[in-house]
Amino acid sequence: MSKPINPYIVLALAIVLPGAGHVAARDATRGLAFAFFVVLFSVITYATTTPDQSFIGRHAGGLFVWALSIPDAYRRARMQAATAQRAT
């Protein structure tokens, strides 16, 4: 098995783009699911809010899912790194 990616790189990718951290940590299905739900909940909250709301308010659902995906990607990468280190 190849060496796992540095968890801090995964963290940076997860902050920049939803799902990218999971994809980098070799969990593409989970990453794409997070990206899908970010878009889905952004569209839902955009459609159900009024134009008077701020950008954050109109996309709050997607931003919330994105915020949940960041520590999840980092935690998974950290567990992979610890498992790989223990195996050596």
Protein backbone atom coordinates (compact mmCIF):
# COMPACT_ATOMS: atom_id res chain seq x y z
CA MET A 1 0.00 0.00 0.00
CA SER A 2 1.29 3.47 -0.85
CA LYS A 3 2.10 6.09 1.75
CA PRO A 4 -0.97 8.13 2.80
CA ILE A 5 -1.11 11.84 2.06
CA ASN A 6 -0.19 14.31 4.80
CA PRO A 7 -3.33 15.12 6.86
CA TYR A 8 -2.56 18.85 6.73
CA ILE A 9 -2.65 18.78 2.93
CA VAL A 10 -6.00 17.00 3.13
CA LEU A 11 -7.20 19.68 5.55
CA ALA A 12 -6.11 22.47 3.18
CA LEU A 13 -7.85 20.82 0.23
CA ALA A 14 -11.03 20.33 2.27
CA ILE A 15 -11.05 24.02 3.17
CA VAL A 16 -10.55 25.12 -0.45
CA LEU A 17 -13.07 22.83 -2.16
CA PRO A 18 -15.81 20.65 -0.64
CA GLY A 19 -15.06 16.96 -1.07
CA ALA A 20 -11.51 17.50 -2.33
CA GLY A 21 -9.98 16.46 0.98
CA HIS A 22 -11.85 13.18 0.93
CA VAL A 23 -10.83 12.51 -2.66
CA ALA A 24 -7.18 13.21 -1.78
CA ALA A 25 -7.48 10.83 1.18
CA ARG A 26 -8.63 8.09 -1.23
CA ASP A 27 -12.29 8.20 -0.21
CA ALA A 28 -13.73 9.53 -3.45
CA THR A 29 -17.26 8.24 -2.89
CA ARG A 30 -17.58 10.09 0.40
CA GLY A 31 -16.00 13.22 -1.09
CA LEU A 32 -18.36 13.29 -4.04
CA ALA A 33 -21.31 12.71 -1.72
CA PHE A 34 -20.26 15.70 0.40
CA ALA A 35 -19.86 17.84 -2.75
CA PHE A 36 -23.30 16.75 -3.99
CA PHE A 37 -24.98 17.61 -0.69
CA VAL A 38 -23.20 20.98 -0.50
CA VAL A 39 -24.68 21.88 -3.88
CA LEU A 40 -28.07 20.38 -3.05
CA PHE A 41 -28.49 22.20 0.26
CA SER A 42 -27.16 25.44 -1.22
CA VAL A 43 -29.83 25.27 -3.91
CA ILE A 44 -32.54 24.40 -1.39
CA THR A 45 -31.69 27.25 0.96
CA TYR A 46 -31.29 29.64 -1.97
CA ALA A 47 -34.74 28.71 -3.25
CA THR A 48 -36.42 29.03 0.14
CA THR A 49 -34.96 32.38 1.21
CA THR A 50 -35.83 35.88 0.11
CA PRO A 51 -33.54 38.16 -1.90
CA ASP A 52 -33.20 40.31 1.24
CA GLN A 53 -30.92 37.69 2.81
CA SER A 54 -27.14 37.90 2.60
CA PHE A 55 -25.04 35.51 0.53
CA ILE A 56 -24.25 33.51 3.68
CA GLY A 57 -27.92 33.30 4.58
CA ARG A 58 -28.96 32.24 1.10
CA HIS A 59 -26.39 29.42 0.99
CA ALA A 60 -26.34 28.45 4.67
CA GLY A 61 -27.32 24.82 4.09
CA GLY A 62 -24.45 24.16 1.72
CA LEU A 63 -21.96 26.05 3.85
CA PHE A 64 -23.03 24.01 6.88
CA VAL A 65 -22.40 20.70 5.08
CA TRP A 66 -19.07 22.05 3.80
CA ALA A 67 -18.09 22.99 7.36
CA LEU A 68 -18.93 19.46 8.51
CA SER A 69 -16.83 17.91 5.75
CA ILE A 70 -13.63 19.74 6.75
CA PRO A 71 -12.94 18.01 10.10
CA ASP A 72 -14.27 14.73 8.71
CA ALA A 73 -11.70 14.70 5.89
CA TYR A 74 -8.88 15.65 8.26
CA ARG A 75 -9.88 12.99 10.80
CA ARG A 76 -9.99 10.29 8.12
CA ALA A 77 -6.58 11.30 6.76
CA ARG A 78 -5.12 11.35 10.26
CA MET A 79 -6.47 7.84 10.94
CA GLN A 80 -4.98 6.59 7.66
CA ALA A 81 -1.60 8.10 8.55
CA ALA A 82 -1.67 6.56 12.03
CA THR A 83 -2.64 3.16 10.64
CA ALA A 84 0.16 3.31 8.05
CA GLN A 85 2.69 4.34 10.70
CA ARG A 86 1.60 1.51 12.99
CA ALA A 87 1.94 -1.01 10.16
CA THR A 88 5.61 -0.16 9.60
